Every structure is written in structure tokens, then in C-alpha cells.
PDB file of N, CA and C in Angstrom:
ATOM      1  N   MET A   1       0.843  -1.169   0.000  1.00  0.00           N
ATOM      2  CA  MET A   1       0.000   0.000   0.000  1.00  0.00           C
ATOM      3  C   MET A   1       0.891   1.235   0.000  1.00  0.00           C
ATOM      4  N   LYS A   2       0.506   2.179  -0.768  1.00  0.00           N
ATOM      5  CA  LYS A   2       1.285   3.415  -0.878  1.00  0.00           C
ATOM      6  C   LYS A   2       0.752   4.512   0.037  1.00  0.00           C
ATOM      7  N   ASN A   3      -0.526   4.414   0.417  1.00  0.00           N
ATOM      8  CA  ASN A   3      -1.164   5.470   1.176  1.00  0.00           C
ATOM      9  C   ASN A   3      -1.861   4.872   2.403  1.00  0.00           C
ATOM     10  N   ARG A   4      -1.705   5.518   3.545  1.00  0.00           N
ATOM     11  CA  ARG A   4      -2.285   4.988   4.791  1.00  0.00           C
ATOM     12  C   ARG A   4      -3.809   4.964   4.771  1.00  0.00           C
ATOM     13  N   GLU A   5      -4.440   5.798   3.944  1.00  0.00           N
ATOM     14  CA  GLU A   5      -5.897   5.799   3.884  1.00  0.00           C
ATOM     15  C   GLU A   5      -6.448   4.464   3.374  1.00  0.00           C
ATOM     16  N   GLU A   6      -5.631   3.696   2.658  1.00  0.00           N
ATOM     17  CA  GLU A   6      -6.065   2.387   2.165  1.00  0.00           C
ATOM     18  C   GLU A   6      -6.353   1.427   3.316  1.00  0.00           C
ATOM     19  N   LEU A   7      -5.769   1.676   4.486  1.00  0.00           N
ATOM     20  CA  LEU A   7      -6.022   0.815   5.650  1.00  0.00           C
ATOM     21  C   LEU A   7      -7.492   0.819   6.046  1.00  0.00           C
ATOM     22  N   GLN A   8      -8.209   1.891   5.745  1.00  0.00           N
ATOM     23  CA  GLN A   8      -9.624   1.979   6.099  1.00  0.00           C
ATOM     24  C   GLN A   8     -10.486   1.042   5.261  1.00  0.00           C
ATOM     25  N   ARG A   9      -9.969   0.571   4.131  1.00  0.00           N
ATOM     26  CA  ARG A   9     -10.707  -0.354   3.267  1.00  0.00           C
ATOM     27  C   ARG A   9     -10.644  -1.795   3.768  1.00  0.00           C
ATOM     28  N   ILE A  10      -9.764  -2.067   4.724  1.00  0.00           N
ATOM     29  CA  ILE A  10      -9.575  -3.437   5.198  1.00  0.00           C
ATOM     30  C   ILE A  10     -10.674  -3.819   6.183  1.00  0.00           C
ATOM     31  N   VAL A  11     -11.308  -4.963   5.921  1.00  0.00           N
ATOM     32  CA  VAL A  11     -12.300  -5.538   6.823  1.00  0.00           C
ATOM     33  C   VAL A  11     -11.650  -6.783   7.414  1.00  0.00           C
ATOM     34  N   PHE A  12     -11.381  -6.767   8.718  1.00  0.00           N
ATOM     35  CA  PHE A  12     -10.697  -7.880   9.365  1.00  0.00           C
ATOM     36  C   PHE A  12     -11.529  -9.160   9.250  1.00  0.00           C
ATOM     37  N   GLY A  13     -10.858 -10.247   8.899  1.00  0.00           N
ATOM     38  CA  GLY A  13     -11.518 -11.523   8.717  1.00  0.00           C
ATOM     39  C   GLY A  13     -12.116 -11.723   7.340  1.00  0.00           C
ATOM     40  N   LYS A  14     -11.970 -10.719   6.459  1.00  0.00           N
ATOM     41  CA  LYS A  14     -12.550 -10.821   5.126  1.00  0.00           C
ATOM     42  C   LYS A  14     -11.572 -10.402   4.029  1.00  0.00           C
ATOM     43  N   THR A  15     -10.814  -9.328   4.250  1.00  0.00           N
ATOM     44  CA  THR A  15      -9.942  -8.768   3.223  1.00  0.00           C
ATOM     45  C   THR A  15      -8.672  -9.579   3.074  1.00  0.00           C
ATOM     46  N   ARG A  16      -8.344  -9.906   1.827  1.00  0.00           N
ATOM     47  CA  ARG A  16      -7.124 -10.652   1.520  1.00  0.00           C
ATOM     48  C   ARG A  16      -6.033  -9.669   1.097  1.00  0.00           C
ATOM     49  N   VAL A  17      -4.806  -9.912   1.566  1.00  0.00           N
ATOM     50  CA  VAL A  17      -3.666  -9.069   1.205  1.00  0.00           C
ATOM     51  C   VAL A  17      -2.570  -9.935   0.583  1.00  0.00           C
ATOM     52  N   VAL A  18      -1.703  -9.282  -0.185  1.00  0.00           N
ATOM     53  CA  VAL A  18      -0.577  -9.962  -0.819  1.00  0.00           C
ATOM     54  C   VAL A  18       0.700  -9.235  -0.413  1.00  0.00           C
ATOM     55  N   LEU A  19       1.741  -9.985  -0.108  1.00  0.00           N
ATOM     56  CA  LEU A  19       3.014  -9.384   0.285  1.00  0.00           C
ATOM     57  C   LEU A  19       3.694  -8.741  -0.921  1.00  0.00           C
ATOM     58  N   THR A  20       4.192  -7.544  -0.736  1.00  0.00           N
ATOM     59  CA  THR A  20       4.940  -6.856  -1.789  1.00  0.00           C
ATOM     60  C   THR A  20       6.430  -6.833  -1.469  1.00  0.00           C
ATOM     61  N   ARG A  21       6.813  -7.477  -0.391  1.00  0.00           N
ATOM     62  CA  ARG A  21       8.205  -7.521   0.047  1.00  0.00           C
ATOM     63  C   ARG A  21       8.522  -8.938   0.523  1.00  0.00           C
ATOM     64  N   ASP A  22       9.728  -9.392   0.260  1.00  0.00           N
ATOM     65  CA  ASP A  22      10.154 -10.728   0.675  1.00  0.00           C
ATOM     66  C   ASP A  22      10.454 -10.713   2.180  1.00  0.00           C
ATOM     67  N   LEU A  23       9.648 -11.445   2.942  1.00  0.00           N
ATOM     68  CA  LEU A  23       9.832 -11.541   4.395  1.00  0.00           C
ATOM     69  C   LEU A  23      10.267 -12.953   4.792  1.00  0.00           C
ATOM     70  N   SER A  24      10.923 -13.657   3.876  1.00  0.00           N
ATOM     71  CA  SER A  24      11.303 -15.043   4.133  1.00  0.00           C
ATOM     72  C   SER A  24      12.380 -15.168   5.205  1.00  0.00           C
ATOM     73  N   ILE A  25      12.982 -14.063   5.611  1.00  0.00           N
ATOM     74  CA  ILE A  25      13.955 -14.104   6.711  1.00  0.00           C
ATOM     75  C   ILE A  25      13.220 -14.465   8.011  1.00  0.00           C
ATOM     76  N   MET A  26      11.926 -14.073   8.125  1.00  0.00           N
ATOM     77  CA  MET A  26      11.120 -14.416   9.299  1.00  0.00           C
ATOM     78  C   MET A  26      10.594 -15.837   9.196  1.00  0.00           C
ATOM     79  N   ASN A  27      10.157 -16.220   7.995  1.00  0.00           N
ATOM     80  CA  ASN A  27       9.582 -17.539   7.772  1.00  0.00           C
ATOM     81  C   ASN A  27       9.711 -17.857   6.289  1.00  0.00           C
ATOM     82  N   PRO A  28      10.151 -19.043   5.922  1.00  0.00           N
ATOM     83  CA  PRO A  28      10.362 -19.359   4.498  1.00  0.00           C
ATOM     84  C   PRO A  28       9.088 -19.304   3.657  1.00  0.00           C
ATOM     85  N   ASN A  29       7.914 -19.316   4.287  1.00  0.00           N
ATOM     86  CA  ASN A  29       6.657 -19.243   3.542  1.00  0.00           C
ATOM     87  C   ASN A  29       6.263 -17.819   3.180  1.00  0.00           C
ATOM     88  N   LEU A  30       6.982 -16.828   3.682  1.00  0.00           N
ATOM     89  CA  LEU A  30       6.601 -15.431   3.487  1.00  0.00           C
ATOM     90  C   LEU A  30       7.415 -14.767   2.379  1.00  0.00           C
ATOM     91  N   VAL A  31       7.286 -15.298   1.183  1.00  0.00           N
ATOM     92  CA  VAL A  31       7.989 -14.710   0.038  1.00  0.00           C
ATOM     93  C   VAL A  31       7.092 -13.658  -0.609  1.00  0.00           C
ATOM     94  N   GLU A  32       7.686 -12.831  -1.440  1.00  0.00           N
ATOM     95  CA  GLU A  32       6.914 -11.815  -2.154  1.00  0.00           C
ATOM     96  C   GLU A  32       5.837 -12.493  -2.994  1.00  0.00           C
ATOM     97  N   GLY A  33       4.620 -12.010  -2.905  1.00  0.00           N
ATOM     98  CA  GLY A  33       3.506 -12.588  -3.645  1.00  0.00           C
ATOM     99  C   GLY A  33       2.644 -13.534  -2.833  1.00  0.00           C
ATOM    100  N   ALA A  34       3.033 -13.829  -1.592  1.00  0.00           N
ATOM    101  CA  ALA A  34       2.237 -14.719  -0.738  1.00  0.00           C
ATOM    102  C   ALA A  34       0.938 -14.013  -0.341  1.00  0.00           C
ATOM    103  N   ASN A  35      -0.167 -14.758  -0.349  1.00  0.00           N
ATOM    104  CA  ASN A  35      -1.482 -14.233  -0.001  1.00  0.00           C
ATOM    105  C   ASN A  35      -1.835 -14.586   1.428  1.00  0.00           C
ATOM    106  N   GLY A  36      -2.458 -13.638   2.127  1.00  0.00           N
ATOM    107  CA  GLY A  36      -2.894 -13.864   3.491  1.00  0.00           C
ATOM    108  C   GLY A  36      -4.195 -13.137   3.777  1.00  0.00           C
ATOM    109  N   LEU A  37      -4.773 -13.432   4.925  1.00  0.00           N
ATOM    110  CA  LEU A  37      -6.030 -12.829   5.348  1.00  0.00           C
ATOM    111  C   LEU A  37      -5.758 -11.874   6.504  1.00  0.00           C
ATOM    112  N   ALA A  38      -6.160 -10.620   6.364  1.00  0.00           N
ATOM    113  CA  ALA A  38      -5.999  -9.642   7.437  1.00  0.00           C
ATOM    114  C   ALA A  38      -6.992  -9.981   8.545  1.00  0.00           C
ATOM    115  N   VAL A  39      -6.483 -10.357   9.727  1.00  0.00           N
ATOM    116  CA  VAL A  39      -7.356 -10.788  10.817  1.00  0.00           C
ATOM    117  C   VAL A  39      -7.379  -9.815  11.996  1.00  0.00           C
ATOM    118  N   GLY A  40      -6.517  -8.804  11.974  1.00  0.00           N
ATOM    119  CA  GLY A  40      -6.509  -7.852  13.075  1.00  0.00           C
ATOM    120  C   GLY A  40      -5.408  -6.837  12.930  1.00  0.00           C
ATOM    121  N   LYS A  41      -5.229  -6.079  14.008  1.00  0.00           N
ATOM    122  CA  LYS A  41      -4.204  -5.040  14.034  1.00  0.00           C
ATOM    123  C   LYS A  41      -3.354  -5.252  15.278  1.00  0.00           C
ATOM    124  N   LEU A  42      -2.027  -5.253  15.108  1.00  0.00           N
ATOM    125  CA  LEU A  42      -1.121  -5.428  16.247  1.00  0.00           C
ATOM    126  C   LEU A  42      -0.669  -4.092  16.826  1.00  0.00           C
ATOM    127  N   ALA A  43      -0.444  -3.134  15.969  1.00  0.00           N
ATOM    128  CA  ALA A  43      -0.022  -1.796  16.378  1.00  0.00           C
ATOM    129  C   ALA A  43      -0.703  -0.815  15.431  1.00  0.00           C
ATOM    130  N   THR A  44      -0.393   0.449  15.561  1.00  0.00           N
ATOM    131  CA  THR A  44      -1.072   1.465  14.768  1.00  0.00           C
ATOM    132  C   THR A  44      -1.064   1.153  13.281  1.00  0.00           C
ATOM    133  N   TYR A  45       0.083   0.754  12.743  1.00  0.00           N
ATOM    134  CA  TYR A  45       0.172   0.489  11.306  1.00  0.00           C
ATOM    135  C   TYR A  45       0.716  -0.905  11.018  1.00  0.00           C
ATOM    136  N   THR A  46       0.506  -1.844  11.920  1.00  0.00           N
ATOM    137  CA  THR A  46       0.940  -3.222  11.717  1.00  0.00           C
ATOM    138  C   THR A  46      -0.281  -4.127  11.700  1.00  0.00           C
ATOM    139  N   LEU A  47      -0.460  -4.838  10.584  1.00  0.00           N
ATOM    140  CA  LEU A  47      -1.593  -5.742  10.431  1.00  0.00           C
ATOM    141  C   LEU A  47      -1.228  -7.145  10.899  1.00  0.00           C
ATOM    142  N   LYS A  48      -2.168  -7.822  11.506  1.00  0.00           N
ATOM    143  CA  LYS A  48      -2.002  -9.233  11.838  1.00  0.00           C
ATOM    144  C   LYS A  48      -2.575 -10.007  10.652  1.00  0.00           C
ATOM    145  N   VAL A  49      -1.693 -10.741   9.957  1.00  0.00           N
ATOM    146  CA  VAL A  49      -2.093 -11.421   8.729  1.00  0.00           C
ATOM    147  C   VAL A  49      -1.914 -12.928   8.902  1.00  0.00           C
ATOM    148  N   ALA A  50      -2.972 -13.678   8.601  1.00  0.00           N
ATOM    149  CA  ALA A  50      -2.942 -15.137   8.677  1.00  0.00           C
ATOM    150  C   ALA A  50      -2.658 -15.694   7.286  1.00  0.00           C
ATOM    151  N   PHE A  51      -1.567 -16.432   7.173  1.00  0.00           N
ATOM    152  CA  PHE A  51      -1.232 -17.152   5.956  1.00  0.00           C
ATOM    153  C   PHE A  51      -1.595 -18.611   6.210  1.00  0.00           C
ATOM    154  N   PRO A  52      -1.660 -19.462   5.175  1.00  0.00           N
ATOM    155  CA  PRO A  52      -2.060 -20.849   5.407  1.00  0.00           C
ATOM    156  C   PRO A  52      -1.222 -21.588   6.459  1.00  0.00           C
ATOM    157  N   LYS A  53       0.065 -21.235   6.620  1.00  0.00           N
ATOM    158  CA  LYS A  53       0.907 -21.979   7.560  1.00  0.00           C
ATOM    159  C   LYS A  53       1.400 -21.167   8.746  1.00  0.00           C
ATOM    160  N   VAL A  54       1.172 -19.857   8.755  1.00  0.00           N
ATOM    161  CA  VAL A  54       1.710 -19.013   9.821  1.00  0.00           C
ATOM    162  C   VAL A  54       0.893 -17.722   9.909  1.00  0.00           C
ATOM    163  N   THR A  55       0.822 -17.143  11.114  1.00  0.00           N
ATOM    164  CA  THR A  55       0.194 -15.837  11.320  1.00  0.00           C
ATOM    165  C   THR A  55       1.259 -14.893  11.858  1.00  0.00           C
ATOM    166  N   VAL A  56       1.423 -13.733  11.201  1.00  0.00           N
ATOM    167  CA  VAL A  56       2.478 -12.793  11.573  1.00  0.00           C
ATOM    168  C   VAL A  56       1.971 -11.355  11.496  1.00  0.00           C
ATOM    169  N   GLY A  57       2.757 -10.456  12.072  1.00  0.00           N
ATOM    170  CA  GLY A  57       2.504  -9.034  11.939  1.00  0.00           C
ATOM    171  C   GLY A  57       3.239  -8.504  10.720  1.00  0.00           C
ATOM    172  N   VAL A  58       2.529  -7.735   9.890  1.00  0.00           N
ATOM    173  CA  VAL A  58       3.095  -7.204   8.653  1.00  0.00           C
ATOM    174  C   VAL A  58       2.861  -5.706   8.617  1.00  0.00           C
ATOM    175  N   ASN A  59       3.901  -4.941   8.321  1.00  0.00           N
ATOM    176  CA  ASN A  59       3.777  -3.498   8.174  1.00  0.00           C
ATOM    177  C   ASN A  59       2.859  -3.186   7.000  1.00  0.00           C
ATOM    178  N   TRP A  60       2.056  -2.141   7.109  1.00  0.00           N
ATOM    179  CA  TRP A  60       1.104  -1.794   6.060  1.00  0.00           C
ATOM    180  C   TRP A  60       1.783  -1.489   4.729  1.00  0.00           C
ATOM    181  N   GLN A  61       3.055  -1.066   4.752  1.00  0.00           N
ATOM    182  CA  GLN A  61       3.767  -0.741   3.518  1.00  0.00           C
ATOM    183  C   GLN A  61       4.297  -1.986   2.806  1.00  0.00           C
ATOM    184  N   ASP A  62       4.264  -3.149   3.466  1.00  0.00           N
ATOM    185  CA  ASP A  62       4.800  -4.381   2.891  1.00  0.00           C
ATOM    186  C   ASP A  62       3.724  -5.255   2.261  1.00  0.00           C
ATOM    187  N   CYS A  63       2.494  -4.746   2.134  1.00  0.00           N
ATOM    188  CA  CYS A  63       1.430  -5.550   1.533  1.00  0.00           C
ATOM    189  C   CYS A  63       0.468  -4.660   0.755  1.00  0.00           C
ATOM    190  N   ASP A  64      -0.316  -5.292  -0.106  1.00  0.00           N
ATOM    191  CA  ASP A  64      -1.359  -4.630  -0.889  1.00  0.00           C
ATOM    192  C   ASP A  64      -2.645  -5.412  -0.748  1.00  0.00           C
ATOM    193  N   ILE A  65      -3.770  -4.728  -0.923  1.00  0.00           N
ATOM    194  CA  ILE A  65      -5.071  -5.379  -0.872  1.00  0.00           C
ATOM    195  C   ILE A  65      -5.296  -6.123  -2.182  1.00  0.00           C
ATOM    196  N   VAL A  66      -5.794  -7.359  -2.086  1.00  0.00           N
ATOM    197  CA  VAL A  66      -6.147  -8.140  -3.273  1.00  0.00           C
ATOM    198  C   VAL A  66      -7.605  -7.831  -3.596  1.00  0.00           C
ATOM    199  N   GLU A  67      -7.838  -7.237  -4.754  1.00  0.00           N
ATOM    200  CA  GLU A  67      -9.201  -6.869  -5.154  1.00  0.00           C
ATOM    201  C   GLU A  67      -9.963  -8.094  -5.650  1.00  0.00           C
ATOM    202  N   GLY A  68     -11.209  -8.231  -5.237  1.00  0.00           N
ATOM    203  CA  GLY A  68     -12.085  -9.264  -5.759  1.00  0.00           C
ATOM    204  C   GLY A  68     -11.969 -10.629  -5.100  1.00  0.00           C
ATOM    205  N   LYS A  69     -11.041 -10.821  -4.181  1.00  0.00           N
ATOM    206  CA  LYS A  69     -10.913 -12.109  -3.496  1.00  0.00           C
ATOM    207  C   LYS A  69     -11.057 -11.871  -1.995  1.00  0.00           C
ATOM    208  N   PHE A  70     -11.819 -12.734  -1.349  1.00  0.00           N
ATOM    209  CA  PHE A  70     -12.072 -12.592   0.077  1.00  0.00           C
ATOM    210  C   PHE A  70     -11.860 -13.936   0.765  1.00  0.00           C
ATOM    211  N   GLY A  71     -11.619 -13.895   2.062  1.00  0.00           N
ATOM    212  CA  GLY A  71     -11.475 -15.109   2.851  1.00  0.00           C
ATOM    213  C   GLY A  71     -10.046 -15.624   2.880  1.00  0.00           C
ATOM    214  N   MET A  72      -9.885 -16.724   3.607  1.00  0.00           N
ATOM    215  CA  MET A  72      -8.564 -17.318   3.815  1.00  0.00           C
ATOM    216  C   MET A  72      -8.059 -17.980   2.531  1.00  0.00           C
ATOM    217  N   PRO A  73      -6.840 -17.615   2.093  1.00  0.00           N
ATOM    218  CA  PRO A  73      -6.269 -18.261   0.908  1.00  0.00           C
ATOM    219  C   PRO A  73      -5.805 -19.682   1.226  1.00  0.00           C
ATOM    220  N   THR A  74      -5.672 -20.480   0.202  1.00  0.00           N
ATOM    221  CA  THR A  74      -5.207 -21.859   0.368  1.00  0.00           C
ATOM    222  C   THR A  74      -3.750 -21.956  -0.066  1.00  0.00           C
ATOM    223  N   ASP A  75      -3.166 -23.121   0.126  1.00  0.00           N
ATOM    224  CA  ASP A  75      -1.794 -23.341  -0.324  1.00  0.00           C
ATOM    225  C   ASP A  75      -1.669 -23.192  -1.838  1.00  0.00           C
ATOM    226  N   ALA A  76      -2.733 -23.481  -2.573  1.00  0.00           N
ATOM    227  CA  ALA A  76      -2.704 -23.360  -4.029  1.00  0.00           C
ATOM    228  C   ALA A  76      -2.560 -21.898  -4.465  1.00  0.00           C
ATOM    229  N   ASP A  77      -2.968 -20.940  -3.610  1.00  0.00           N
ATOM    230  CA  ASP A  77      -2.856 -19.520  -3.931  1.00  0.00           C
ATOM    231  C   ASP A  77      -1.458 -18.965  -3.672  1.00  0.00           C
ATOM    232  N   GLN A  78      -0.595 -19.745  -3.054  1.00  0.00           N
ATOM    233  CA  GLN A  78       0.729 -19.263  -2.664  1.00  0.00           C
ATOM    234  C   GLN A  78       1.740 -19.492  -3.791  1.00  0.00           C
ATOM    235  N   PRO A  79       2.729 -18.601  -3.904  1.00  0.00           N
ATOM    236  CA  PRO A  79       3.769 -18.811  -4.913  1.00  0.00           C
ATOM    237  C   PRO A  79       4.605 -20.037  -4.577  1.00  0.00           C
ATOM    238  N   LYS A  80       5.007 -20.745  -5.590  1.00  0.00           N
ATOM    239  CA  LYS A  80       5.824 -21.944  -5.396  1.00  0.00           C
ATOM    240  C   LYS A  80       7.292 -21.554  -5.410  1.00  0.00           C
ATOM    241  N   VAL A  81       7.912 -21.517  -4.238  1.00  0.00           N
ATOM    242  CA  VAL A  81       9.305 -21.125  -4.093  1.00  0.00           C
ATOM    243  C   VAL A  81      10.014 -22.173  -3.258  1.00  0.00           C
ATOM    244  N   ILE A  82      11.163 -22.601  -3.733  1.00  0.00           N
ATOM    245  CA  ILE A  82      11.981 -23.532  -2.959  1.00  0.00           C
ATOM    246  C   ILE A  82      12.931 -22.695  -2.119  1.00  0.00           C
ATOM    247  N   PRO A  83      12.817 -22.769  -0.785  1.00  0.00           N
ATOM    248  CA  PRO A  83      13.676 -21.938   0.052  1.00  0.00           C
ATOM    249  C   PRO A  83      15.147 -22.310  -0.097  1.00  0.00           C
ATOM    250  N   ARG A  84      15.980 -21.293  -0.068  1.00  0.00           N
ATOM    251  CA  ARG A  84      17.430 -21.474  -0.166  1.00  0.00           C
ATOM    252  C   ARG A  84      17.947 -21.881   1.190  1.00  0.00           C
ATOM    253  N   PRO A  85      18.738 -22.942   1.265  1.00  0.00           N
ATOM    254  CA  PRO A  85      19.309 -23.318   2.561  1.00  0.00           C
ATOM    255  C   PRO A  85      20.248 -22.223   3.075  1.00  0.00           C
ATOM    256  N   ARG A  86      20.171 -21.963   4.348  1.00  0.00           N
ATOM    257  CA  ARG A  86      21.012 -20.914   4.937  1.00  0.00           C
ATOM    258  C   ARG A  86      22.201 -21.527   5.651  1.00  0.00           C
ATOM    259  N   ALA A  87      23.312 -20.836   5.541  1.00  0.00           N
ATOM    260  CA  ALA A  87      24.515 -21.243   6.253  1.00  0.00           C
ATOM    261  C   ALA A  87      24.652 -20.389   7.503  1.00  0.00           C
ATOM    262  N   ILE A  88      25.443 -20.835   8.434  1.00  0.00           N
ATOM    263  CA  ILE A  88      25.660 -20.083   9.671  1.00  0.00           C
ATOM    264  C   ILE A  88      26.274 -18.714   9.375  1.00  0.00           C
ATOM    265  N   THR A  89      27.041 -18.612   8.319  1.00  0.00           N
ATOM    266  CA  THR A  89      27.722 -17.357   8.006  1.00  0.00           C
ATOM    267  C   THR A  89      26.824 -16.357   7.292  1.00  0.00           C
ATOM    268  N   ASP A  90      25.585 -16.724   6.915  1.00  0.00           N
ATOM    269  CA  ASP A  90      24.706 -15.801   6.224  1.00  0.00           C
ATOM    270  C   ASP A  90      24.293 -14.650   7.137  1.00  0.00           C
ATOM    271  N   ASP A  91      24.254 -13.470   6.552  1.00  0.00           N
ATOM    272  CA  ASP A  91      23.775 -12.302   7.304  1.00  0.00           C
ATOM    273  C   ASP A  91      22.272 -12.219   7.196  1.00  0.00           C
ATOM    274  N   ALA A  92      21.631 -11.753   8.242  1.00  0.00           N
ATOM    275  CA  ALA A  92      20.166 -11.634   8.238  1.00  0.00           C
ATOM    276  C   ALA A  92      19.721 -10.354   7.594  1.00  0.00           C
TER     277      ALA A  92
END
């Protein structure tokens, strides 16, 4: 989302969002393009988003509203990405 006023369009438990930023450092399932359901608010501008395998807090600037789709997405709606194995020397 580019503008904070878009947050007013979100209906918790109904509005679907898509990640616009790769958050796989938190969880390998949270790659760019992953779909989730906005289920609440954690802080002023942090949404609580439920994905098929994990529920996390996402900054409003890291996601966009999916138009025309409502409810919890399934695994079939998620991008197919094979996570890269991490070494101990990798920086976060």
C-alpha cells in the first residue's frame, strides 16, 4: 500500500492481502507474492495477517489489498518457491 488511507478499506476476517516484500527471513513461507487474510491489528500500522501456515505481523507498507478475493487463501494460492538453505555465516 502506498497510502495509509487504504487501511480503512480493510475488513478484518474478510480482506485478503498480498506481500509486496520478501519476508522469508522471518519464515520461508513469506515470500513476495504470498497471499494472506488480514485478521486484526497489532499496532497502529501493523496488520495481523494469517497465511495458510503461519500468522504474523506485517507493516502496512509491505502488503497490498487483493481486489475481488475474500477469505482465507489456500496453499494453491501461494507462490511456489523452494527456500534457499542458509549457512551459519549468512547475514540476516
